[in-house]
Amino acid sequence: MNFAPLPAGVFTELARTRPAPADVALLRSALHARRLLLLKALLVRVHRHREAVDAAVFRRFEDSWHLLERAESRNPDVVRDVLDYPTTGAWLAAALAEPVGPALDRHLVRLEGVAVTAALRADCSLDLTVEPPDGRLSLPGVGRQTAGGGRLRIRAGSRVARIHPEDPQAAPVVLLLTDRRAGTLVGRGPGWDGLHTLPGSTARLDDLDSYRVPPGGIGTPPRTAADRADTDPVVWSARWRGAQALLAHTDPGRAAEIRHALRAVVPLLPHGPRSQGATLRSAPGAVLTSLPAGAQDMAETLVHELHHSKLATLHELVPLYRQGRAAVHRVGWRPDARPIGGVLQGAYAHLALTDLWRRAATAHAAPRPWRSSAGQQFDHMHDQVGEALTILLESDELTNEGREFAQQMRRHHASLGAAPRAAG
């Protein structure tokens, strides 16, 4: 993709890990441009291999594309929101990577759910029948309707949609458009599961979408998605609310950035005594994590993973390192050697945490236990980040922009100084 050069101030702010509304807006714009490019690439691929795609799947894909265009003409902001939802990116990446054949056909059917979501949120009039894969109609960022293996008829108009199951005796699911401008849908009825919204934000607790975690899990050892039956939204909401309160008292800018930049929190099944977070490069704006132990753990996980997400988006906009190099490097926070991209990702996320810990250690409004642990964590991690930055700046694997980015990171790292003096 060809983008205009980043303004120097934005580039510097991003390197310093400090939140700024202009940075979030620019990254969102870059994300959307890439999402449109990938969607167009999928369309071109489907048409190029039309003879190899199941005829019924091809017709459904074409109909869904036209429905998406109709929704976009009615409410472009809502359609943009649907396309930019994290699991839409994960779906596109999976579909583009899948060889032509039945597995690709199954991915292509997903466009139907994306287009229906966009049309319903845009308040389009609808009267169509769908046959969801696996008997479940997924509406990204909204919820899921279980069809029991049959077809569903969707009729919508004037801010009300009804999803009728094939069984004429069964009651329909009713979806109400409670906010036309934002495209907010609220559903009720048999077989309907809606996503929970985390307090004080628009972020969803996404424990339903089939694309929220790769089929084989994420990380080593692989961590798998927690399902709705394994997720207590009351507990997760309490952790989120507690983390927001801690950040608001310690670093209000970071609290606001998390509220505005995160689109989804995806629960993972626990693996070991500590919570473990992750992000997907194809799904920026989503944090994948097992349930954090408390508000402090949640706050640190959100800050850490958000910066992985930000850097992944920035790297798509401005390549920071060269792909394909075989060299690996040792860093203090990992037992295994990492490629240069992993070193940069880890240094960036941990630089954000050292910045946060310094503020927490010196903030009178922060709880005393966090002030104490933050000072210790800062002292431990500050040196490790410094060593990683040396690796980066001595490497020939960074691009010119990547070297400038690492230099700006080092300047901010130096400005944090030695171990902070805890507030009384």
Protein backbone atom coordinates (compact mmCIF):
# COMPACT_ATOMS: atom_id res chain seq x y z
CA MET A 1 0.00 0.00 0.00
CA ASN A 2 1.16 3.54 -0.70
CA PHE A 3 0.45 6.03 2.06
CA ALA A 4 1.44 9.63 2.49
CA PRO A 5 4.41 10.07 4.84
CA LEU A 6 3.54 10.21 8.49
CA PRO A 7 3.74 13.64 10.10
CA ALA A 8 6.94 13.78 12.15
CA GLY A 9 5.04 14.66 15.32
CA VAL A 10 2.75 11.65 15.03
CA PHE A 11 5.68 9.32 14.35
CA THR A 12 7.49 10.63 17.42
CA GLU A 13 4.41 10.36 19.64
CA LEU A 14 3.87 6.77 18.57
CA ALA A 15 7.51 5.91 19.29
CA ARG A 16 7.22 7.42 22.76
CA THR A 17 4.15 5.21 23.43
CA ARG A 18 2.30 8.23 24.76
CA PRO A 19 -1.40 8.36 23.79
CA ALA A 20 -2.63 11.06 21.43
CA PRO A 21 -6.02 11.24 19.67
CA ALA A 22 -4.39 12.14 16.35
CA ASP A 23 -2.36 8.93 16.46
CA VAL A 24 -5.42 6.76 17.03
CA ALA A 25 -7.27 8.50 14.19
CA LEU A 26 -4.37 8.03 11.78
CA LEU A 27 -3.97 4.35 12.63
CA ARG A 28 -7.70 3.80 12.24
CA SER A 29 -7.58 5.42 8.81
CA ALA A 30 -4.66 3.20 7.81
CA LEU A 31 -6.45 0.13 9.12
CA HIS A 32 -9.56 0.92 7.10
CA ALA A 33 -7.58 1.51 3.91
CA ARG A 34 -5.90 -1.86 4.32
CA ARG A 35 -9.20 -3.56 5.11
CA LEU A 36 -10.69 -2.24 1.85
CA LEU A 37 -7.63 -3.40 -0.07
CA LEU A 38 -7.91 -6.93 1.36
CA LEU A 39 -11.63 -7.06 0.66
CA LYS A 40 -11.03 -6.05 -2.95
CA ALA A 41 -8.24 -8.64 -3.19
CA LEU A 42 -10.68 -11.32 -2.05
CA LEU A 43 -13.23 -10.22 -4.67
CA VAL A 44 -10.60 -10.38 -7.40
CA ARG A 45 -9.49 -13.82 -6.23
CA VAL A 46 -13.03 -15.18 -6.19
CA HIS A 47 -13.67 -13.96 -9.73
CA ARG A 48 -10.32 -15.26 -10.96
CA HIS A 49 -11.13 -18.74 -9.65
CA ARG A 50 -14.85 -18.59 -10.32
CA GLU A 51 -14.96 -22.01 -11.97
CA ALA A 52 -13.41 -23.63 -8.87
CA VAL A 53 -15.83 -22.00 -6.42
CA ASP A 54 -19.08 -23.80 -5.69
CA ALA A 55 -21.80 -22.17 -7.82
CA ALA A 56 -24.18 -21.63 -4.91
CA VAL A 57 -21.37 -20.16 -2.80
CA PHE A 58 -20.42 -17.83 -5.66
CA ARG A 59 -24.00 -16.56 -5.97
CA ARG A 60 -24.21 -15.97 -2.21
CA PHE A 61 -20.89 -14.12 -2.28
CA GLU A 62 -22.04 -11.88 -5.13
CA ASP A 63 -25.39 -11.17 -3.46
CA SER A 64 -23.61 -10.35 -0.21
CA TRP A 65 -21.23 -7.99 -1.99
CA HIS A 66 -24.16 -6.09 -3.54
CA LEU A 67 -25.91 -5.94 -0.16
CA LEU A 68 -22.74 -4.51 1.39
CA GLU A 69 -22.64 -1.84 -1.33
CA ARG A 70 -26.29 -0.96 -0.67
CA ALA A 71 -25.64 -0.61 3.06
CA GLU A 72 -22.57 1.53 2.38
CA SER A 73 -24.59 3.94 0.25
CA ARG A 74 -27.09 4.32 3.10
CA ASN A 75 -24.73 4.67 6.08
CA PRO A 76 -21.01 4.56 5.19
CA ASP A 77 -19.85 5.12 8.78
CA VAL A 78 -21.69 2.05 10.02
CA VAL A 79 -20.33 -0.12 7.19
CA ARG A 80 -16.83 1.13 7.93
CA ASP A 81 -17.33 0.12 11.56
CA VAL A 82 -18.37 -3.40 10.53
CA LEU A 83 -15.46 -3.81 8.11
CA ASP A 84 -12.97 -2.55 10.70
CA TYR A 85 -14.16 -4.90 13.45
CA PRO A 86 -11.25 -7.18 14.44
CA THR A 87 -12.82 -10.49 13.44
CA THR A 88 -13.51 -9.15 9.95
CA GLY A 89 -9.76 -8.76 9.55
CA ALA A 90 -9.12 -12.26 10.89
CA TRP A 91 -11.68 -13.66 8.43
CA LEU A 92 -10.15 -11.84 5.46
CA ALA A 93 -6.66 -13.06 6.35
CA ALA A 94 -7.90 -16.64 6.65
CA ALA A 95 -9.83 -16.50 3.37
CA LEU A 96 -6.93 -15.00 1.43
CA ALA A 97 -4.52 -17.62 2.78
CA GLU A 98 -6.77 -20.61 2.07
CA PRO A 99 -6.15 -22.61 -1.12
CA VAL A 100 -9.01 -22.80 -3.60
CA GLY A 101 -11.39 -25.58 -2.63
CA PRO A 102 -14.13 -26.47 -0.13
CA ALA A 103 -12.31 -24.82 2.78
CA LEU A 104 -12.18 -21.50 0.91
CA ASP A 105 -15.88 -21.87 0.05
CA ARG A 106 -16.67 -22.11 3.77
CA HIS A 107 -14.75 -18.88 4.37
CA LEU A 108 -16.54 -17.10 1.53
CA VAL A 109 -19.96 -17.71 3.09
CA ARG A 110 -18.86 -15.48 5.98
CA LEU A 111 -19.34 -12.40 3.78
CA GLU A 112 -23.08 -13.03 4.11
CA GLY A 113 -22.96 -12.42 7.85
CA VAL A 114 -20.78 -9.32 7.38
CA ALA A 115 -23.15 -7.88 4.77
CA VAL A 116 -26.29 -8.67 6.79
CA THR A 117 -24.72 -7.02 9.85
CA ALA A 118 -23.91 -3.90 7.83
CA ALA A 119 -27.39 -3.78 6.28
CA LEU A 120 -29.20 -4.21 9.59
CA ARG A 121 -27.05 -1.60 11.31
CA ALA A 122 -27.57 0.78 8.36
CA ASP A 123 -31.36 0.28 8.65
CA CYS A 124 -31.76 -1.15 5.14
CA SER A 125 -35.02 -2.81 4.23
CA LEU A 126 -34.45 -6.55 3.85
CA ASP A 127 -36.30 -9.69 2.94
CA LEU A 128 -33.88 -12.54 2.30
CA THR A 129 -33.20 -16.13 3.31
CA VAL A 130 -29.79 -17.31 4.48
CA GLU A 131 -28.40 -20.74 5.29
CA PRO A 132 -25.68 -20.10 7.87
CA PRO A 133 -22.71 -22.48 8.08
CA ASP A 134 -22.78 -24.83 11.07
CA GLY A 135 -26.30 -23.64 11.81
CA ARG A 136 -25.11 -20.32 13.29
CA LEU A 137 -25.54 -16.86 11.81
CA SER A 138 -22.72 -14.68 13.13
CA LEU A 139 -23.22 -10.90 13.08
CA PRO A 140 -19.72 -9.48 13.75
CA GLY A 141 -19.63 -7.18 16.75
CA VAL A 142 -23.32 -7.77 17.48
CA GLY A 143 -24.03 -11.41 18.34
CA ARG A 144 -25.01 -14.81 17.01
CA GLN A 145 -28.25 -16.57 16.08
CA THR A 146 -28.39 -20.36 16.31
CA ALA A 147 -30.47 -21.72 13.46
CA GLY A 148 -30.38 -25.39 14.45
CA GLY A 149 -29.02 -26.42 11.07
CA GLY A 150 -31.84 -24.82 9.03
CA ARG A 151 -32.36 -21.69 7.01
CA LEU A 152 -33.26 -18.29 8.41
CA ARG A 153 -35.49 -15.64 6.86
CA ILE A 154 -34.49 -12.08 7.68
CA ARG A 155 -37.04 -9.29 7.29
CA ALA A 156 -36.11 -5.76 8.28
CA GLY A 157 -37.35 -2.19 7.98
CA SER A 158 -37.96 0.93 10.08
CA ARG A 159 -35.42 0.07 12.78
CA VAL A 160 -36.84 -3.41 13.45
CA ALA A 161 -35.56 -6.71 12.08
CA ARG A 162 -36.96 -10.18 12.59
CA ILE A 163 -35.04 -13.39 12.04
CA HIS A 164 -37.46 -16.24 11.42
CA PRO A 165 -36.32 -19.86 11.77
CA GLU A 166 -37.37 -22.50 9.28
CA ASP A 167 -39.76 -24.00 11.85
CA PRO A 168 -43.02 -22.00 11.44
CA GLN A 169 -43.95 -22.73 15.06
CA ALA A 170 -40.80 -21.10 16.46
CA ALA A 171 -40.82 -17.47 17.56
CA PRO A 172 -38.56 -15.06 15.65
CA VAL A 173 -35.59 -13.19 17.04
CA VAL A 174 -36.24 -9.44 17.12
CA LEU A 175 -33.40 -6.95 16.59
CA LEU A 176 -34.05 -3.31 17.45
CA LEU A 177 -31.94 -0.48 16.05
CA THR A 178 -31.73 1.64 19.20
CA ASP A 179 -29.34 4.23 17.74
CA ARG A 180 -29.59 4.78 13.99
CA ARG A 181 -26.52 6.98 13.70
CA ALA A 182 -24.25 4.52 15.54
CA GLY A 183 -26.04 1.48 14.16
CA THR A 184 -26.58 -0.04 17.60
CA LEU A 185 -28.54 -3.30 17.51
CA VAL A 186 -30.13 -5.00 20.52
CA GLY A 187 -31.65 -8.46 20.11
CA ARG A 188 -33.91 -10.82 21.99
CA GLY A 189 -35.56 -14.14 21.27
CA PRO A 190 -34.91 -17.89 21.20
CA GLY A 191 -31.46 -18.89 20.00
CA TRP A 192 -30.07 -15.34 20.15
CA ASP A 193 -26.83 -14.53 21.99
CA GLY A 194 -25.75 -10.90 21.99
CA LEU A 195 -22.24 -9.65 22.74
CA HIS A 196 -21.77 -7.79 26.02
CA THR A 197 -20.45 -4.23 25.88
CA LEU A 198 -17.72 -3.40 28.40
CA PRO A 199 -18.63 -0.51 30.75
CA GLY A 200 -17.96 3.04 29.60
CA SER A 201 -16.79 2.01 26.14
CA THR A 202 -17.95 0.52 22.85
CA ALA A 203 -15.61 -2.50 23.21
CA ARG A 204 -17.28 -5.89 23.07
CA LEU A 205 -16.55 -8.90 25.22
CA ASP A 206 -16.40 -11.24 22.22
CA ASP A 207 -16.85 -14.84 23.33
CA LEU A 208 -18.92 -15.91 20.30
CA ASP A 209 -17.32 -15.13 16.95
CA SER A 210 -15.80 -18.18 15.24
CA TYR A 211 -12.93 -16.03 13.91
CA ARG A 212 -11.93 -14.53 17.27
CA VAL A 213 -9.07 -17.03 17.75
CA PRO A 214 -7.36 -19.18 15.08
CA PRO A 215 -8.61 -22.79 14.99
CA GLY A 216 -5.37 -24.18 16.43
CA GLY A 217 -5.16 -21.57 19.18
CA ILE A 218 -2.62 -18.79 19.59
CA GLY A 219 0.88 -18.76 21.04
CA THR A 220 3.15 -21.54 22.32
CA PRO A 221 1.75 -23.59 23.92
CA PRO A 222 -1.45 -22.74 22.04
CA ARG A 223 -4.13 -20.92 24.01
CA THR A 224 -7.71 -21.45 22.93
CA ALA A 225 -10.85 -19.35 23.05
CA ALA A 226 -13.19 -19.41 26.03
CA ASP A 227 -16.80 -19.96 24.97
CA ARG A 228 -19.90 -18.22 26.27
CA ALA A 229 -20.41 -20.99 28.85
CA ASP A 230 -16.89 -20.34 30.22
CA THR A 231 -17.25 -16.55 30.41
CA ASP A 232 -18.85 -14.54 33.20
CA PRO A 233 -19.56 -11.06 31.80
CA VAL A 234 -20.12 -9.65 35.29
CA VAL A 235 -16.59 -10.62 36.37
CA TRP A 236 -15.01 -9.39 33.14
CA SER A 237 -16.89 -6.11 33.37
CA ALA A 238 -15.68 -5.67 36.94
CA ARG A 239 -12.06 -6.25 35.88
CA TRP A 240 -12.47 -3.79 33.00
CA ARG A 241 -14.07 -1.17 35.22
CA GLY A 242 -11.35 -1.59 37.85
CA ALA A 243 -8.60 -1.27 35.25
CA GLN A 244 -10.19 1.89 33.85
CA ALA A 245 -10.39 3.39 37.33
CA LEU A 246 -6.70 2.64 38.02
CA LEU A 247 -5.63 4.14 34.72
CA ALA A 248 -7.87 7.18 35.14
CA HIS A 249 -6.15 7.97 38.46
CA THR A 250 -2.68 7.22 37.11
CA ASP A 251 -2.58 8.02 33.41
CA PRO A 252 -5.90 9.44 32.12
CA GLY A 253 -4.63 9.63 28.56
CA ARG A 254 -4.04 5.88 28.49
CA ALA A 255 -7.47 5.23 29.96
CA ALA A 256 -9.06 7.29 27.16
CA GLU A 257 -6.91 5.64 24.49
CA ILE A 258 -8.00 2.17 25.59
CA ARG A 259 -11.67 3.17 25.56
CA HIS A 260 -11.39 4.54 22.03
CA ALA A 261 -8.86 2.20 20.40
CA LEU A 262 -10.01 -1.21 21.62
CA ARG A 263 -12.92 -2.82 19.81
CA ALA A 264 -12.98 -6.24 21.46
CA VAL A 265 -11.66 -8.21 24.42
CA VAL A 266 -11.56 -11.93 23.60
CA PRO A 267 -11.52 -14.30 26.60
CA LEU A 268 -9.04 -17.18 26.45
CA LEU A 269 -9.14 -20.33 28.52
CA PRO A 270 -6.61 -20.08 31.39
CA HIS A 271 -3.25 -21.77 30.97
CA GLY A 272 -1.29 -21.63 34.21
CA PRO A 273 -1.73 -19.39 37.24
CA ARG A 274 -1.09 -16.07 35.47
CA SER A 275 -3.24 -14.36 32.88
CA GLN A 276 -1.76 -14.39 29.40
CA GLY A 277 -2.53 -11.84 26.71
CA ALA A 278 -2.05 -11.83 22.95
CA THR A 279 -2.97 -9.97 19.79
CA LEU A 280 -3.50 -11.06 16.19
CA ARG A 281 -1.71 -9.07 13.51
CA SER A 282 -4.74 -9.54 11.26
CA ALA A 283 -7.16 -8.31 13.95
CA PRO A 284 -5.86 -5.03 15.42
CA GLY A 285 -8.12 -3.53 18.05
CA ALA A 286 -8.70 -6.86 19.81
CA VAL A 287 -6.98 -8.02 23.00
CA LEU A 288 -7.01 -11.76 23.62
CA THR A 289 -6.47 -12.71 27.25
CA SER A 290 -7.37 -15.13 29.96
CA LEU A 291 -9.16 -13.54 32.89
CA PRO A 292 -6.73 -11.18 34.66
CA ALA A 293 -6.28 -11.71 38.39
CA GLY A 294 -7.46 -8.20 39.24
CA ALA A 295 -7.73 -4.60 38.09
CA GLN A 296 -3.96 -4.04 38.09
CA ASP A 297 -3.30 -7.13 35.98
CA MET A 298 -6.09 -6.12 33.60
CA ALA A 299 -4.75 -2.56 33.23
CA GLU A 300 -1.24 -3.76 32.46
CA THR A 301 -2.50 -6.40 30.01
CA LEU A 302 -4.61 -3.84 28.11
CA VAL A 303 -1.72 -1.36 27.83
CA HIS A 304 0.76 -4.05 26.80
CA GLU A 305 -1.44 -5.68 24.16
CA LEU A 306 -2.78 -2.40 22.79
CA HIS A 307 0.79 -1.41 21.94
CA HIS A 308 1.39 -4.67 20.11
CA SER A 309 -1.74 -3.84 18.11
CA LYS A 310 -0.65 -0.25 17.44
CA LEU A 311 2.80 -1.29 16.26
CA ALA A 312 1.40 -3.98 13.96
CA THR A 313 -0.84 -1.39 12.31
CA LEU A 314 2.02 1.10 12.05
CA HIS A 315 4.28 -1.52 10.46
CA GLU A 316 1.65 -2.06 7.76
CA LEU A 317 1.62 1.69 7.16
CA VAL A 318 5.38 2.26 7.37
CA PRO A 319 7.56 -0.91 7.27
CA LEU A 320 9.93 -0.75 10.23
CA TYR A 321 11.99 -3.88 9.58
CA ARG A 322 12.78 -6.18 6.68
CA GLN A 323 11.01 -9.51 6.42
CA GLY A 324 12.66 -12.86 5.91
CA ARG A 325 15.86 -12.47 7.91
CA ALA A 326 16.94 -15.59 9.82
CA ALA A 327 18.80 -13.88 12.69
CA VAL A 328 17.38 -14.24 16.20
CA HIS A 329 18.19 -12.32 19.37
CA ARG A 330 17.92 -12.86 23.12
CA VAL A 331 15.77 -10.49 25.17
CA GLY A 332 15.29 -10.37 28.91
CA TRP A 333 11.55 -11.03 29.02
CA ARG A 334 11.54 -14.20 26.89
CA PRO A 335 13.28 -17.57 27.32
CA ASP A 336 13.46 -18.09 23.55
CA ALA A 337 15.41 -16.12 20.94
CA ARG A 338 13.33 -13.72 18.86
CA PRO A 339 13.53 -12.38 15.29
CA ILE A 340 14.04 -8.66 14.95
CA GLY A 341 10.30 -8.03 14.54
CA GLY A 342 9.67 -9.80 17.84
CA VAL A 343 12.39 -7.76 19.55
CA LEU A 344 10.83 -4.53 18.30
CA GLN A 345 7.32 -5.63 19.31
CA GLY A 346 8.45 -6.65 22.79
CA ALA A 347 10.55 -3.54 23.35
CA TYR A 348 7.67 -1.31 22.29
CA ALA A 349 5.05 -2.97 24.49
CA HIS A 350 7.39 -3.08 27.49
CA LEU A 351 8.43 0.55 26.96
CA ALA A 352 4.75 1.46 27.27
CA LEU A 353 4.59 -0.52 30.51
CA THR A 354 7.71 1.11 31.98
CA ASP A 355 6.19 4.50 31.19
CA LEU A 356 2.97 3.42 32.93
CA TRP A 357 4.82 1.95 35.94
CA ARG A 358 6.83 5.11 36.44
CA ARG A 359 3.63 7.13 36.57
CA ALA A 360 1.93 4.59 38.85
CA ALA A 361 4.86 4.56 41.27
CA THR A 362 4.74 8.34 41.65
CA ALA A 363 0.96 8.90 41.54
CA HIS A 364 -0.56 9.77 44.91
CA ALA A 365 -3.99 8.72 43.61
CA ALA A 366 -2.81 5.20 42.71
CA PRO A 367 -3.44 2.49 45.34
CA ARG A 368 -0.42 1.92 47.59
CA PRO A 369 0.09 -1.75 46.56
CA TRP A 370 0.28 -0.76 42.90
CA ARG A 371 2.67 2.10 43.65
CA SER A 372 4.99 -0.35 45.36
CA SER A 373 4.86 -3.09 42.73
CA ALA A 374 5.07 -0.57 39.89
CA GLY A 375 8.37 0.76 41.21
CA GLN A 376 9.79 -2.75 41.40
CA GLN A 377 8.54 -3.67 37.92
CA PHE A 378 9.94 -0.47 36.46
CA ASP A 379 13.37 -1.17 37.95
CA HIS A 380 13.31 -4.73 36.57
CA MET A 381 12.06 -3.94 33.08
CA HIS A 382 13.78 -0.62 32.38
CA ASP A 383 17.18 -2.25 31.92
CA GLN A 384 15.76 -5.05 29.78
CA VAL A 385 14.11 -2.56 27.42
CA GLY A 386 17.40 -0.66 27.20
CA GLU A 387 19.24 -3.82 26.19
CA ALA A 388 16.62 -4.60 23.54
CA LEU A 389 16.90 -1.09 22.11
CA THR A 390 20.66 -1.58 21.78
CA ILE A 391 20.01 -4.79 19.81
CA LEU A 392 17.63 -2.93 17.54
CA LEU A 393 19.93 0.01 16.88
CA GLU A 394 22.96 -2.22 16.24
CA SER A 395 21.00 -4.38 13.80
CA ASP A 396 21.02 -3.92 10.03
CA GLU A 397 17.52 -5.42 9.82
CA LEU A 398 15.57 -2.21 10.47
CA THR A 399 14.45 0.06 7.67
CA ASN A 400 15.44 3.73 7.80
CA GLU A 401 12.05 4.49 9.32
CA GLY A 402 12.47 1.65 11.79
CA ARG A 403 15.85 3.00 12.91
CA GLU A 404 14.35 6.45 13.43
CA PHE A 405 11.49 4.88 15.36
CA ALA A 406 13.91 2.94 17.60
CA GLN A 407 15.96 6.09 18.19
CA GLN A 408 12.84 7.94 19.30
CA MET A 409 12.00 4.99 21.58
CA ARG A 410 15.49 5.22 23.11
CA ARG A 411 15.10 8.94 23.72
CA HIS A 412 11.88 8.31 25.60
CA HIS A 413 13.44 5.39 27.47
CA ALA A 414 16.30 7.67 28.58
CA SER A 415 13.84 10.37 29.66
CA LEU A 416 12.22 7.93 32.10
CA GLY A 417 15.43 7.96 34.11
CA ALA A 418 16.38 5.58 36.89
CA ALA A 419 14.03 3.87 39.32
CA PRO A 420 11.27 6.32 40.37
CA ARG A 421 10.79 7.40 43.96
CA ALA A 422 7.45 6.06 45.13
CA ALA A 423 4.78 8.51 46.25
CA GLY A 424 4.18 8.62 49.96
